[in-house]
Amino acid sequence: MDWCEDNDLDYVFGLSGNRILAAAVEDNADDIRTRRALKQMLVLRGYAQTDYAAKSWRAERRVCARIEATELGLDIRYV
């Protein structure tokens, strides 16, 4: 990320989830999970974003989450 920013390049990286990111999008995830169940849908997807800074990062960055609720549970991917 630092190299891309130092060289004025746009980038997208997939990120591993963790408890901090999960907590940051929990309200959105709960809303999607609840709406899917109430409407008895097979799947419902939504998106959220938050600012996050891992300890090894030199700056805070925007992280986007794709939140997918299915009958099997919740799947959240971060970029």
PDB file of N, CA and C in Angstrom:
ATOM      1  N   MET A   1       0.832  -1.180   0.000  1.00  0.00           N
ATOM      2  CA  MET A   1       0.000   0.000   0.000  1.00  0.00           C
ATOM      3  C   MET A   1       0.879   1.247   0.000  1.00  0.00           C
ATOM      4  N   ASP A   2       1.879   1.222   0.866  1.00  0.00           N
ATOM      5  CA  ASP A   2       2.783   2.376   0.924  1.00  0.00           C
ATOM      6  C   ASP A   2       3.464   2.606  -0.425  1.00  0.00           C
ATOM      7  N   TRP A   3       3.931   1.517  -1.060  1.00  0.00           N
ATOM      8  CA  TRP A   3       4.616   1.654  -2.329  1.00  0.00           C
ATOM      9  C   TRP A   3       3.679   2.241  -3.380  1.00  0.00           C
ATOM     10  N   CYS A   4       2.451   1.746  -3.443  1.00  0.00           N
ATOM     11  CA  CYS A   4       1.476   2.271  -4.401  1.00  0.00           C
ATOM     12  C   CYS A   4       1.231   3.755  -4.169  1.00  0.00           C
ATOM     13  N   GLU A   5       1.059   4.132  -2.904  1.00  0.00           N
ATOM     14  CA  GLU A   5       0.820   5.542  -2.594  1.00  0.00           C
ATOM     15  C   GLU A   5       2.051   6.398  -2.886  1.00  0.00           C
ATOM     16  N   ASP A   6       3.235   5.883  -2.600  1.00  0.00           N
ATOM     17  CA  ASP A   6       4.471   6.623  -2.878  1.00  0.00           C
ATOM     18  C   ASP A   6       4.691   6.831  -4.370  1.00  0.00           C
ATOM     19  N   ASN A   7       4.168   5.913  -5.181  1.00  0.00           N
ATOM     20  CA  ASN A   7       4.332   5.989  -6.631  1.00  0.00           C
ATOM     21  C   ASN A   7       3.068   6.471  -7.335  1.00  0.00           C
ATOM     22  N   ASP A   8       2.167   7.100  -6.573  1.00  0.00           N
ATOM     23  CA  ASP A   8       0.956   7.718  -7.101  1.00  0.00           C
ATOM     24  C   ASP A   8       0.111   6.747  -7.942  1.00  0.00           C
ATOM     25  N   LEU A   9      -0.045   5.524  -7.428  1.00  0.00           N
ATOM     26  CA  LEU A   9      -0.842   4.510  -8.111  1.00  0.00           C
ATOM     27  C   LEU A   9      -2.127   4.246  -7.331  1.00  0.00           C
ATOM     28  N   ASP A  10      -3.214   4.023  -8.057  1.00  0.00           N
ATOM     29  CA  ASP A  10      -4.461   3.576  -7.428  1.00  0.00           C
ATOM     30  C   ASP A  10      -4.337   2.080  -7.167  1.00  0.00           C
ATOM     31  N   TYR A  11      -5.030   1.593  -6.151  1.00  0.00           N
ATOM     32  CA  TYR A  11      -4.927   0.173  -5.817  1.00  0.00           C
ATOM     33  C   TYR A  11      -6.167  -0.304  -5.071  1.00  0.00           C
ATOM     34  N   VAL A  12      -6.350  -1.623  -5.090  1.00  0.00           N
ATOM     35  CA  VAL A  12      -7.376  -2.281  -4.288  1.00  0.00           C
ATOM     36  C   VAL A  12      -6.739  -3.564  -3.756  1.00  0.00           C
ATOM     37  N   PHE A  13      -6.781  -3.761  -2.447  1.00  0.00           N
ATOM     38  CA  PHE A  13      -6.258  -4.966  -1.823  1.00  0.00           C
ATOM     39  C   PHE A  13      -7.380  -5.647  -1.054  1.00  0.00           C
ATOM     40  N   GLY A  14      -7.448  -6.963  -1.125  1.00  0.00           N
ATOM     41  CA  GLY A  14      -8.341  -7.710  -0.255  1.00  0.00           C
ATOM     42  C   GLY A  14      -7.727  -7.746   1.135  1.00  0.00           C
ATOM     43  N   LEU A  15      -8.546  -7.636   2.151  1.00  0.00           N
ATOM     44  CA  LEU A  15      -8.051  -7.635   3.527  1.00  0.00           C
ATOM     45  C   LEU A  15      -8.668  -8.781   4.314  1.00  0.00           C
ATOM     46  N   SER A  16      -7.898  -9.320   5.233  1.00  0.00           N
ATOM     47  CA  SER A  16      -8.441 -10.314   6.156  1.00  0.00           C
ATOM     48  C   SER A  16      -9.333  -9.603   7.153  1.00  0.00           C
ATOM     49  N   GLY A  17     -10.426 -10.230   7.491  1.00  0.00           N
ATOM     50  CA  GLY A  17     -11.287  -9.656   8.516  1.00  0.00           C
ATOM     51  C   GLY A  17     -10.670  -9.826   9.894  1.00  0.00           C
ATOM     52  N   ASN A  18     -11.094  -8.987  10.810  1.00  0.00           N
ATOM     53  CA  ASN A  18     -10.680  -9.115  12.200  1.00  0.00           C
ATOM     54  C   ASN A  18     -11.789  -8.540  13.071  1.00  0.00           C
ATOM     55  N   ARG A  19     -11.623  -8.635  14.370  1.00  0.00           N
ATOM     56  CA  ARG A  19     -12.701  -8.206  15.273  1.00  0.00           C
ATOM     57  C   ARG A  19     -12.958  -6.703  15.194  1.00  0.00           C
ATOM     58  N   ILE A  20     -11.955  -5.920  14.898  1.00  0.00           N
ATOM     59  CA  ILE A  20     -12.130  -4.470  14.802  1.00  0.00           C
ATOM     60  C   ILE A  20     -12.952  -4.116  13.568  1.00  0.00           C
ATOM     61  N   LEU A  21     -12.624  -4.719  12.423  1.00  0.00           N
ATOM     62  CA  LEU A  21     -13.400  -4.467  11.209  1.00  0.00           C
ATOM     63  C   LEU A  21     -14.819  -5.005  11.356  1.00  0.00           C
ATOM     64  N   ALA A  22     -14.963  -6.180  11.949  1.00  0.00           N
ATOM     65  CA  ALA A  22     -16.294  -6.755  12.159  1.00  0.00           C
ATOM     66  C   ALA A  22     -17.149  -5.832  13.027  1.00  0.00           C
ATOM     67  N   ALA A  23     -16.565  -5.271  14.066  1.00  0.00           N
ATOM     68  CA  ALA A  23     -17.313  -4.361  14.942  1.00  0.00           C
ATOM     69  C   ALA A  23     -17.694  -3.081  14.204  1.00  0.00           C
ATOM     70  N   ALA A  24     -16.825  -2.630  13.302  1.00  0.00           N
ATOM     71  CA  ALA A  24     -17.080  -1.384  12.574  1.00  0.00           C
ATOM     72  C   ALA A  24     -18.268  -1.497  11.624  1.00  0.00           C
ATOM     73  N   VAL A  25     -18.539  -2.694  11.105  1.00  0.00           N
ATOM     74  CA  VAL A  25     -19.642  -2.870  10.157  1.00  0.00           C
ATOM     75  C   VAL A  25     -20.803  -3.661  10.763  1.00  0.00           C
ATOM     76  N   GLU A  26     -20.772  -3.921  12.059  1.00  0.00           N
ATOM     77  CA  GLU A  26     -21.789  -4.755  12.707  1.00  0.00           C
ATOM     78  C   GLU A  26     -23.206  -4.221  12.539  1.00  0.00           C
ATOM     79  N   ASP A  27     -23.412  -2.921  12.678  1.00  0.00           N
ATOM     80  CA  ASP A  27     -24.764  -2.371  12.520  1.00  0.00           C
ATOM     81  C   ASP A  27     -25.313  -2.653  11.127  1.00  0.00           C
ATOM     82  N   ASN A  28     -24.479  -2.449  10.099  1.00  0.00           N
ATOM     83  CA  ASN A  28     -24.903  -2.735   8.726  1.00  0.00           C
ATOM     84  C   ASN A  28     -25.142  -4.226   8.533  1.00  0.00           C
ATOM     85  N   ALA A  29     -24.262  -5.054   9.066  1.00  0.00           N
ATOM     86  CA  ALA A  29     -24.406  -6.499   8.930  1.00  0.00           C
ATOM     87  C   ALA A  29     -25.677  -6.986   9.610  1.00  0.00           C
ATOM     88  N   ASP A  30     -25.970  -6.454  10.775  1.00  0.00           N
ATOM     89  CA  ASP A  30     -27.177  -6.859  11.500  1.00  0.00           C
ATOM     90  C   ASP A  30     -28.432  -6.461  10.719  1.00  0.00           C
ATOM     91  N   ASP A  31     -28.415  -5.277  10.131  1.00  0.00           N
ATOM     92  CA  ASP A  31     -29.551  -4.817   9.329  1.00  0.00           C
ATOM     93  C   ASP A  31     -29.784  -5.745   8.138  1.00  0.00           C
ATOM     94  N   ILE A  32     -28.718  -6.098   7.434  1.00  0.00           N
ATOM     95  CA  ILE A  32     -28.835  -6.969   6.263  1.00  0.00           C
ATOM     96  C   ILE A  32     -29.302  -8.360   6.687  1.00  0.00           C
ATOM     97  N   ARG A  33     -28.726  -8.880   7.744  1.00  0.00           N
ATOM     98  CA  ARG A  33     -29.118 -10.197   8.265  1.00  0.00           C
ATOM     99  C   ARG A  33     -30.605 -10.222   8.641  1.00  0.00           C
ATOM    100  N   THR A  34     -31.057  -9.181   9.312  1.00  0.00           N
ATOM    101  CA  THR A  34     -32.450  -9.114   9.767  1.00  0.00           C
ATOM    102  C   THR A  34     -33.410  -8.963   8.601  1.00  0.00           C
ATOM    103  N   ARG A  35     -33.107  -8.057   7.662  1.00  0.00           N
ATOM    104  CA  ARG A  35     -33.989  -7.861   6.507  1.00  0.00           C
ATOM    105  C   ARG A  35     -34.097  -9.125   5.659  1.00  0.00           C
ATOM    106  N   ARG A  36     -32.987  -9.858   5.491  1.00  0.00           N
ATOM    107  CA  ARG A  36     -33.025 -11.106   4.732  1.00  0.00           C
ATOM    108  C   ARG A  36     -33.956 -12.118   5.395  1.00  0.00           C
ATOM    109  N   ALA A  37     -33.858 -12.224   6.716  1.00  0.00           N
ATOM    110  CA  ALA A  37     -34.691 -13.183   7.444  1.00  0.00           C
ATOM    111  C   ALA A  37     -36.172 -12.787   7.407  1.00  0.00           C
ATOM    112  N   LEU A  38     -36.455 -11.508   7.627  1.00  0.00           N
ATOM    113  CA  LEU A  38     -37.844 -11.057   7.643  1.00  0.00           C
ATOM    114  C   LEU A  38     -38.529 -11.225   6.285  1.00  0.00           C
ATOM    115  N   LYS A  39     -37.786 -10.982   5.216  1.00  0.00           N
ATOM    116  CA  LYS A  39     -38.351 -11.108   3.867  1.00  0.00           C
ATOM    117  C   LYS A  39     -38.212 -12.529   3.317  1.00  0.00           C
ATOM    118  N   GLN A  40     -37.594 -13.419   4.099  1.00  0.00           N
ATOM    119  CA  GLN A  40     -37.363 -14.808   3.715  1.00  0.00           C
ATOM    120  C   GLN A  40     -36.687 -14.924   2.355  1.00  0.00           C
ATOM    121  N   MET A  41     -35.671 -14.112   2.167  1.00  0.00           N
ATOM    122  CA  MET A  41     -34.906 -14.120   0.921  1.00  0.00           C
ATOM    123  C   MET A  41     -33.806 -15.174   1.006  1.00  0.00           C
ATOM    124  N   LEU A  42     -33.409 -15.713  -0.143  1.00  0.00           N
ATOM    125  CA  LEU A  42     -32.294 -16.662  -0.153  1.00  0.00           C
ATOM    126  C   LEU A  42     -30.980 -15.954   0.166  1.00  0.00           C
ATOM    127  N   VAL A  43     -30.823 -14.761  -0.406  1.00  0.00           N
ATOM    128  CA  VAL A  43     -29.587 -14.008  -0.194  1.00  0.00           C
ATOM    129  C   VAL A  43     -29.890 -12.518  -0.256  1.00  0.00           C
ATOM    130  N   LEU A  44     -29.184 -11.758   0.546  1.00  0.00           N
ATOM    131  CA  LEU A  44     -29.264 -10.300   0.505  1.00  0.00           C
ATOM    132  C   LEU A  44     -27.858  -9.761   0.690  1.00  0.00           C
ATOM    133  N   ARG A  45     -27.459  -8.859  -0.189  1.00  0.00           N
ATOM    134  CA  ARG A  45     -26.123  -8.261  -0.125  1.00  0.00           C
ATOM    135  C   ARG A  45     -26.238  -6.771   0.158  1.00  0.00           C
ATOM    136  N   GLY A  46     -25.242  -6.284   0.837  1.00  0.00           N
ATOM    137  CA  GLY A  46     -25.152  -4.864   1.110  1.00  0.00           C
ATOM    138  C   GLY A  46     -23.694  -4.477   1.242  1.00  0.00           C
ATOM    139  N   TYR A  47     -23.455  -3.196   1.407  1.00  0.00           N
ATOM    140  CA  TYR A  47     -22.090  -2.683   1.456  1.00  0.00           C
ATOM    141  C   TYR A  47     -21.970  -1.664   2.577  1.00  0.00           C
ATOM    142  N   ALA A  48     -20.759  -1.572   3.116  1.00  0.00           N
ATOM    143  CA  ALA A  48     -20.474  -0.590   4.161  1.00  0.00           C
ATOM    144  C   ALA A  48     -19.033  -0.133   3.978  1.00  0.00           C
ATOM    145  N   GLN A  49     -18.723   0.990   4.577  1.00  0.00           N
ATOM    146  CA  GLN A  49     -17.331   1.440   4.563  1.00  0.00           C
ATOM    147  C   GLN A  49     -16.986   2.036   5.913  1.00  0.00           C
ATOM    148  N   THR A  50     -15.706   1.991   6.214  1.00  0.00           N
ATOM    149  CA  THR A  50     -15.207   2.533   7.464  1.00  0.00           C
ATOM    150  C   THR A  50     -13.760   2.958   7.255  1.00  0.00           C
ATOM    151  N   ASP A  51     -13.250   3.747   8.146  1.00  0.00           N
ATOM    152  CA  ASP A  51     -11.826   4.084   8.136  1.00  0.00           C
ATOM    153  C   ASP A  51     -11.130   3.153   9.115  1.00  0.00           C
ATOM    154  N   TYR A  52      -9.948   2.670   8.739  1.00  0.00           N
ATOM    155  CA  TYR A  52      -9.249   1.681   9.545  1.00  0.00           C
ATOM    156  C   TYR A  52      -7.748   1.889   9.401  1.00  0.00           C
ATOM    157  N   ALA A  53      -7.024   1.618  10.464  1.00  0.00           N
ATOM    158  CA  ALA A  53      -5.562   1.696  10.431  1.00  0.00           C
ATOM    159  C   ALA A  53      -4.992   0.514  11.201  1.00  0.00           C
ATOM    160  N   ALA A  54      -4.431  -0.445  10.475  1.00  0.00           N
ATOM    161  CA  ALA A  54      -3.725  -1.542  11.130  1.00  0.00           C
ATOM    162  C   ALA A  54      -2.471  -0.965  11.786  1.00  0.00           C
ATOM    163  N   LYS A  55      -1.967  -1.660  12.784  1.00  0.00           N
ATOM    164  CA  LYS A  55      -0.775  -1.155  13.495  1.00  0.00           C
ATOM    165  C   LYS A  55       0.413  -0.975  12.570  1.00  0.00           C
ATOM    166  N   SER A  56       0.518  -1.831  11.544  1.00  0.00           N
ATOM    167  CA  SER A  56       1.667  -1.758  10.638  1.00  0.00           C
ATOM    168  C   SER A  56       1.505  -0.716   9.536  1.00  0.00           C
ATOM    169  N   TRP A  57       0.331  -0.102   9.418  1.00  0.00           N
ATOM    170  CA  TRP A  57       0.104   0.900   8.387  1.00  0.00           C
ATOM    171  C   TRP A  57       0.562   2.263   8.873  1.00  0.00           C
ATOM    172  N   ARG A  58       1.035   3.064   7.948  1.00  0.00           N
ATOM    173  CA  ARG A  58       1.473   4.404   8.336  1.00  0.00           C
ATOM    174  C   ARG A  58       0.323   5.411   8.367  1.00  0.00           C
ATOM    175  N   ALA A  59      -0.807   5.032   7.797  1.00  0.00           N
ATOM    176  CA  ALA A  59      -1.940   5.959   7.747  1.00  0.00           C
ATOM    177  C   ALA A  59      -3.255   5.185   7.803  1.00  0.00           C
ATOM    178  N   GLU A  60      -4.298   5.903   8.190  1.00  0.00           N
ATOM    179  CA  GLU A  60      -5.638   5.345   8.169  1.00  0.00           C
ATOM    180  C   GLU A  60      -6.118   5.308   6.724  1.00  0.00           C
ATOM    181  N   ARG A  61      -6.840   4.239   6.373  1.00  0.00           N
ATOM    182  CA  ARG A  61      -7.329   4.085   5.008  1.00  0.00           C
ATOM    183  C   ARG A  61      -8.803   3.695   5.017  1.00  0.00           C
ATOM    184  N   ARG A  62      -9.455   3.938   3.903  1.00  0.00           N
ATOM    185  CA  ARG A  62     -10.862   3.548   3.759  1.00  0.00           C
ATOM    186  C   ARG A  62     -10.928   2.058   3.456  1.00  0.00           C
ATOM    187  N   VAL A  63     -11.799   1.373   4.160  1.00  0.00           N
ATOM    188  CA  VAL A  63     -12.031  -0.053   3.933  1.00  0.00           C
ATOM    189  C   VAL A  63     -13.509  -0.229   3.600  1.00  0.00           C
ATOM    190  N   CYS A  64     -13.782  -0.944   2.516  1.00  0.00           N
ATOM    191  CA  CYS A  64     -15.155  -1.233   2.115  1.00  0.00           C
ATOM    192  C   CYS A  64     -15.446  -2.699   2.404  1.00  0.00           C
ATOM    193  N   ALA A  65     -16.673  -2.966   2.805  1.00  0.00           N
ATOM    194  CA  ALA A  65     -17.082  -4.327   3.121  1.00  0.00           C
ATOM    195  C   ALA A  65     -18.275  -4.714   2.264  1.00  0.00           C
ATOM    196  N   ARG A  66     -18.211  -5.917   1.667  1.00  0.00           N
ATOM    197  CA  ARG A  66     -19.359  -6.507   0.992  1.00  0.00           C
ATOM    198  C   ARG A  66     -19.959  -7.483   2.000  1.00  0.00           C
ATOM    199  N   ILE A  67     -21.196  -7.243   2.378  1.00  0.00           N
ATOM    200  CA  ILE A  67     -21.861  -8.042   3.397  1.00  0.00           C
ATOM    201  C   ILE A  67     -22.934  -8.877   2.704  1.00  0.00           C
ATOM    202  N   GLU A  68     -22.851 -10.186   2.859  1.00  0.00           N
ATOM    203  CA  GLU A  68     -23.803 -11.092   2.228  1.00  0.00           C
ATOM    204  C   GLU A  68     -24.427 -11.976   3.302  1.00  0.00           C
ATOM    205  N   ALA A  69     -25.743 -11.916   3.392  1.00  0.00           N
ATOM    206  CA  ALA A  69     -26.480 -12.764   4.328  1.00  0.00           C
ATOM    207  C   ALA A  69     -27.211 -13.837   3.532  1.00  0.00           C
ATOM    208  N   THR A  70     -27.054 -15.079   3.936  1.00  0.00           N
ATOM    209  CA  THR A  70     -27.754 -16.199   3.325  1.00  0.00           C
ATOM    210  C   THR A  70     -28.400 -17.031   4.428  1.00  0.00           C
ATOM    211  N   GLU A  71     -29.080 -18.072   4.021  1.00  0.00           N
ATOM    212  CA  GLU A  71     -29.664 -18.980   5.000  1.00  0.00           C
ATOM    213  C   GLU A  71     -28.584 -19.683   5.814  1.00  0.00           C
ATOM    214  N   LEU A  72     -27.367 -19.735   5.287  1.00  0.00           N
ATOM    215  CA  LEU A  72     -26.248 -20.374   5.984  1.00  0.00           C
ATOM    216  C   LEU A  72     -25.523 -19.438   6.931  1.00  0.00           C
ATOM    217  N   GLY A  73     -25.820 -18.152   6.853  1.00  0.00           N
ATOM    218  CA  GLY A  73     -25.173 -17.200   7.742  1.00  0.00           C
ATOM    219  C   GLY A  73     -24.652 -15.981   7.001  1.00  0.00           C
ATOM    220  N   LEU A  74     -23.678 -15.338   7.617  1.00  0.00           N
ATOM    221  CA  LEU A  74     -23.135 -14.077   7.118  1.00  0.00           C
ATOM    222  C   LEU A  74     -21.748 -14.291   6.509  1.00  0.00           C
ATOM    223  N   ASP A  75     -21.484 -13.627   5.390  1.00  0.00           N
ATOM    224  CA  ASP A  75     -20.162 -13.657   4.755  1.00  0.00           C
ATOM    225  C   ASP A  75     -19.775 -12.213   4.483  1.00  0.00           C
ATOM    226  N   ILE A  76     -18.668 -11.774   5.039  1.00  0.00           N
ATOM    227  CA  ILE A  76     -18.214 -10.396   4.860  1.00  0.00           C
ATOM    228  C   ILE A  76     -16.820 -10.428   4.242  1.00  0.00           C
ATOM    229  N   ARG A  77     -16.644  -9.668   3.171  1.00  0.00           N
ATOM    230  CA  ARG A  77     -15.345  -9.539   2.494  1.00  0.00           C
ATOM    231  C   ARG A  77     -14.946  -8.067   2.560  1.00  0.00           C
ATOM    232  N   TYR A  78     -13.645  -7.837   2.801  1.00  0.00           N
ATOM    233  CA  TYR A  78     -13.136  -6.475   2.961  1.00  0.00           C
ATOM    234  C   TYR A  78     -12.109  -6.154   1.875  1.00  0.00           C
ATOM    235  N   VAL A  79     -12.199  -4.932   1.344  1.00  0.00           N
ATOM    236  CA  VAL A  79     -11.187  -4.408   0.416  1.00  0.00           C
ATOM    237  C   VAL A  79     -10.884  -2.979   0.807  1.00  0.00           C
TER     238      VAL A  79
END
